[in-house]
Every structure is written in C-alpha cells, then in structure tokens.
Amino acid sequence: MKKYIYSIFTALLFISCSDIIEVPDISKDTVNLAAPSDNATLNITTLTLSWEAVEDAENYQVRVARPDFENILQVELDTTLTENSISVQLEAGNSYQWRVRAINSEYTTPYTTYTFTLEE
C-alpha cells in the first residue's frame, strides 16, 4: 500500500512541477531600436544595428530589406542571434528598412521597424 501511495504522490509531484515551468509571455513587449535612428541619413556603408535587450528574450530575429518591406527589391539580411547588435555592410545610394523582434521558446514580440538611407 505504501508503494501505491508513494507512486501517486510522485506522479502528482511531476504534474505539479510541469505547471510551474512557464515561459514568460513577451508578445506584448516592444523591441526598442537604438541605432541607426528612424529616417537617418548616413554616409557610411558598414554600420552596426543595435537595440535594447528585451527581458526574457532568448533570441532576436533581424531583417534588413531594400528599399522597404512592402516593396522588397532585395533582402539584405535575415538572421536570428542572441546578441542585441549586429554589424552589416550595405551598398551606398540606397534606402533600407530594418526590423527586429524578440523571441523565446513560445512567444515573439511584434517587429519594430526603422528606415535609413545610405548616401553615395
């Protein structure tokens, strides 16, 4: 009888523990882009895209498109990384949009999108 009660207790303990392990919902959080700022005009071709870290995010999906995501001529970058910045080299004389969203094992934030132009 003790084995039977012990087995039930152990099973209940494992079921209870699985309820405790919750992944934080980041879907209502916002990724705050830092640089380059929205509508910036730059005279460099190698730049660092950076943003503020989101609490409970495990990764960030970063995308860069030319000229923008509604009228894509070229996807320049589409990657997922753990850091909150990435260095990219782009062609001068073009406008670009970049966007980032945070990801954890169950949730994603919406993308935050900025536009910039690289002068020739």
C-alpha atoms as a PDB file:
ATOM      1  CA  MET A   1       0.000   0.000   0.000  1.00  0.00           C
ATOM      2  CA  LYS A   2       2.875   2.376   0.778  1.00  0.00           C
ATOM      3  CA  LYS A   3       4.325   1.833  -2.712  1.00  0.00           C
ATOM      4  CA  TYR A   4       0.955   2.693  -4.248  1.00  0.00           C
ATOM      5  CA  ILE A   5       0.637   5.934  -2.252  1.00  0.00           C
ATOM      6  CA  TYR A   6       4.269   6.821  -2.967  1.00  0.00           C
ATOM      7  CA  SER A   7       3.700   6.286  -6.724  1.00  0.00           C
ATOM      8  CA  ILE A   8       0.617   8.523  -6.705  1.00  0.00           C
ATOM      9  CA  PHE A   9       2.476  11.195  -4.723  1.00  0.00           C
ATOM     10  CA  THR A  10       5.422  11.085  -7.137  1.00  0.00           C
ATOM     11  CA  ALA A  11       3.132  11.342 -10.168  1.00  0.00           C
ATOM     12  CA  LEU A  12       1.314  14.330  -8.674  1.00  0.00           C
ATOM     13  CA  LEU A  13       4.628  15.997  -7.894  1.00  0.00           C
ATOM     14  CA  PHE A  14       5.778  15.730 -11.522  1.00  0.00           C
ATOM     15  CA  ILE A  15       2.446  17.004 -12.839  1.00  0.00           C
ATOM     16  CA  SER A  16       2.627  19.965 -10.465  1.00  0.00           C
ATOM     17  CA  CYS A  17       6.209  20.771 -11.480  1.00  0.00           C
ATOM     18  CA  SER A  18       5.299  20.937 -15.157  1.00  0.00           C
ATOM     19  CA  ASP A  19       2.731  23.613 -14.302  1.00  0.00           C
ATOM     20  CA  ILE A  20       5.386  25.675 -12.515  1.00  0.00           C
ATOM     21  CA  ILE A  21       7.693  25.842 -15.541  1.00  0.00           C
ATOM     22  CA  GLU A  22       6.148  28.641 -17.573  1.00  0.00           C
ATOM     23  CA  VAL A  23       7.748  30.578 -20.388  1.00  0.00           C
ATOM     24  CA  PRO A  24       7.200  34.321 -19.917  1.00  0.00           C
ATOM     25  CA  ASP A  25       4.849  35.852 -22.480  1.00  0.00           C
ATOM     26  CA  ILE A  26       6.812  38.569 -24.296  1.00  0.00           C
ATOM     27  CA  SER A  27       4.246  39.029 -27.064  1.00  0.00           C
ATOM     28  CA  LYS A  28       3.136  42.406 -25.723  1.00  0.00           C
ATOM     29  CA  ASP A  29       6.699  43.713 -25.229  1.00  0.00           C
ATOM     30  CA  THR A  30       8.374  46.066 -27.671  1.00  0.00           C
ATOM     31  CA  VAL A  31      11.893  45.947 -29.074  1.00  0.00           C
ATOM     32  CA  ASN A  32      13.354  49.456 -28.808  1.00  0.00           C
ATOM     33  CA  LEU A  33      15.696  50.086 -31.729  1.00  0.00           C
ATOM     34  CA  ALA A  34      18.713  52.235 -30.847  1.00  0.00           C
ATOM     35  CA  ALA A  35      20.825  52.802 -33.953  1.00  0.00           C
ATOM     36  CA  PRO A  36      20.591  53.846 -36.641  1.00  0.00           C
ATOM     37  CA  SER A  37      17.654  56.029 -35.697  1.00  0.00           C
ATOM     38  CA  ASP A  38      14.484  56.139 -37.754  1.00  0.00           C
ATOM     39  CA  ASN A  39      14.829  58.120 -41.014  1.00  0.00           C
ATOM     40  CA  ALA A  40      18.583  58.566 -40.509  1.00  0.00           C
ATOM     41  CA  THR A  41      20.808  59.526 -43.428  1.00  0.00           C
ATOM     42  CA  LEU A  42      24.309  58.088 -43.122  1.00  0.00           C
ATOM     43  CA  ASN A  43      27.483  58.399 -45.160  1.00  0.00           C
ATOM     44  CA  ILE A  44      28.969  55.027 -44.223  1.00  0.00           C
ATOM     45  CA  THR A  45      28.431  51.548 -45.635  1.00  0.00           C
ATOM     46  CA  THR A  46      29.462  49.431 -42.647  1.00  0.00           C
ATOM     47  CA  LEU A  47      27.218  50.079 -39.697  1.00  0.00           C
ATOM     48  CA  THR A  48      26.060  48.456 -36.502  1.00  0.00           C
ATOM     49  CA  LEU A  49      22.366  47.849 -35.971  1.00  0.00           C
ATOM     50  CA  SER A  50      21.584  47.870 -32.256  1.00  0.00           C
ATOM     51  CA  TRP A  51      18.566  47.634 -29.981  1.00  0.00           C
ATOM     52  CA  GLU A  52      17.739  47.345 -26.300  1.00  0.00           C
ATOM     53  CA  ALA A  53      17.577  43.863 -24.838  1.00  0.00           C
ATOM     54  CA  VAL A  54      14.116  42.507 -24.022  1.00  0.00           C
ATOM     55  CA  GLU A  55      13.732  40.753 -20.680  1.00  0.00           C
ATOM     56  CA  ASP A  56      13.042  37.016 -21.126  1.00  0.00           C
ATOM     57  CA  ALA A  57      14.028  37.036 -24.816  1.00  0.00           C
ATOM     58  CA  GLU A  58      16.313  34.222 -25.907  1.00  0.00           C
ATOM     59  CA  ASN A  59      16.956  35.381 -29.481  1.00  0.00           C
ATOM     60  CA  TYR A  60      16.325  38.256 -31.867  1.00  0.00           C
ATOM     61  CA  GLN A  61      15.289  37.990 -35.498  1.00  0.00           C
ATOM     62  CA  VAL A  62      16.847  40.787 -37.530  1.00  0.00           C
ATOM     63  CA  ARG A  63      15.886  41.613 -41.096  1.00  0.00           C
ATOM     64  CA  VAL A  64      17.111  44.306 -43.486  1.00  0.00           C
ATOM     65  CA  ALA A  65      15.370  44.974 -46.809  1.00  0.00           C
ATOM     66  CA  ARG A  66      15.925  47.388 -49.675  1.00  0.00           C
ATOM     67  CA  PRO A  67      14.088  49.748 -50.073  1.00  0.00           C
ATOM     68  CA  ASP A  68      11.426  48.571 -47.566  1.00  0.00           C
ATOM     69  CA  PHE A  69       9.403  45.529 -46.520  1.00  0.00           C
ATOM     70  CA  GLU A  70       6.343  46.459 -48.558  1.00  0.00           C
ATOM     71  CA  ASN A  71       8.328  46.835 -51.819  1.00  0.00           C
ATOM     72  CA  ILE A  72      11.249  44.448 -51.360  1.00  0.00           C
ATOM     73  CA  LEU A  73      13.853  44.531 -54.106  1.00  0.00           C
ATOM     74  CA  GLN A  74      16.437  42.725 -52.020  1.00  0.00           C
ATOM     75  CA  VAL A  75      16.539  41.077 -48.589  1.00  0.00           C
ATOM     76  CA  GLU A  76      19.966  42.105 -47.346  1.00  0.00           C
ATOM     77  CA  LEU A  77      19.847  40.272 -44.026  1.00  0.00           C
ATOM     78  CA  ASP A  78      17.583  37.743 -42.337  1.00  0.00           C
ATOM     79  CA  THR A  79      19.159  36.180 -39.282  1.00  0.00           C
ATOM     80  CA  THR A  80      18.495  35.120 -35.710  1.00  0.00           C
ATOM     81  CA  LEU A  81      21.027  35.844 -32.988  1.00  0.00           C
ATOM     82  CA  THR A  82      21.357  36.063 -29.219  1.00  0.00           C
ATOM     83  CA  GLU A  83      23.113  39.441 -29.107  1.00  0.00           C
ATOM     84  CA  ASN A  84      21.371  42.798 -29.325  1.00  0.00           C
ATOM     85  CA  SER A  85      23.511  44.229 -32.134  1.00  0.00           C
ATOM     86  CA  ILE A  86      24.951  43.174 -35.468  1.00  0.00           C
ATOM     87  CA  SER A  87      27.380  44.735 -37.911  1.00  0.00           C
ATOM     88  CA  VAL A  88      26.310  44.867 -41.565  1.00  0.00           C
ATOM     89  CA  GLN A  89      27.824  46.150 -44.787  1.00  0.00           C
ATOM     90  CA  LEU A  90      25.372  47.673 -47.242  1.00  0.00           C
ATOM     91  CA  GLU A  91      25.566  49.460 -50.568  1.00  0.00           C
ATOM     92  CA  ALA A  92      25.622  53.296 -50.621  1.00  0.00           C
ATOM     93  CA  GLY A  93      22.980  55.192 -52.559  1.00  0.00           C
ATOM     94  CA  ASN A  94      20.032  53.151 -51.265  1.00  0.00           C
ATOM     95  CA  SER A  95      17.253  53.347 -48.720  1.00  0.00           C
ATOM     96  CA  TYR A  96      16.740  50.452 -46.324  1.00  0.00           C
ATOM     97  CA  GLN A  97      14.358  49.269 -43.663  1.00  0.00           C
ATOM     98  CA  TRP A  98      15.441  47.174 -40.738  1.00  0.00           C
ATOM     99  CA  ARG A  99      13.335  45.406 -38.186  1.00  0.00           C
ATOM    100  CA  VAL A 100      13.838  43.302 -35.100  1.00  0.00           C
ATOM    101  CA  ARG A 101      11.629  41.088 -32.982  1.00  0.00           C
ATOM    102  CA  ALA A 102      12.425  39.242 -29.761  1.00  0.00           C
ATOM    103  CA  ILE A 103      11.859  35.505 -29.465  1.00  0.00           C
ATOM    104  CA  ASN A 104      11.701  32.963 -26.669  1.00  0.00           C
ATOM    105  CA  SER A 105      10.688  29.310 -26.833  1.00  0.00           C
ATOM    106  CA  GLU A 106       6.955  30.067 -27.009  1.00  0.00           C
ATOM    107  CA  TYR A 107       6.425  33.743 -27.872  1.00  0.00           C
ATOM    108  CA  THR A 108       7.579  36.532 -30.174  1.00  0.00           C
ATOM    109  CA  THR A 109       7.194  40.273 -29.967  1.00  0.00           C
ATOM    110  CA  PRO A 110       5.919  42.245 -32.930  1.00  0.00           C
ATOM    111  CA  TYR A 111       8.598  43.633 -35.226  1.00  0.00           C
ATOM    112  CA  THR A 112       9.827  47.170 -34.642  1.00  0.00           C
ATOM    113  CA  THR A 113      10.820  48.766 -37.950  1.00  0.00           C
ATOM    114  CA  TYR A 114      13.037  51.769 -38.822  1.00  0.00           C
ATOM    115  CA  THR A 115      14.107  53.263 -42.133  1.00  0.00           C
ATOM    116  CA  PHE A 116      17.500  54.732 -43.080  1.00  0.00           C
ATOM    117  CA  THR A 117      19.330  55.913 -46.183  1.00  0.00           C
ATOM    118  CA  LEU A 118      22.995  55.480 -47.108  1.00  0.00           C
ATOM    119  CA  GLU A 119      24.345  58.409 -49.124  1.00  0.00           C
ATOM    120  CA  GLU A 120      26.763  57.928 -52.005  1.00  0.00           C
END
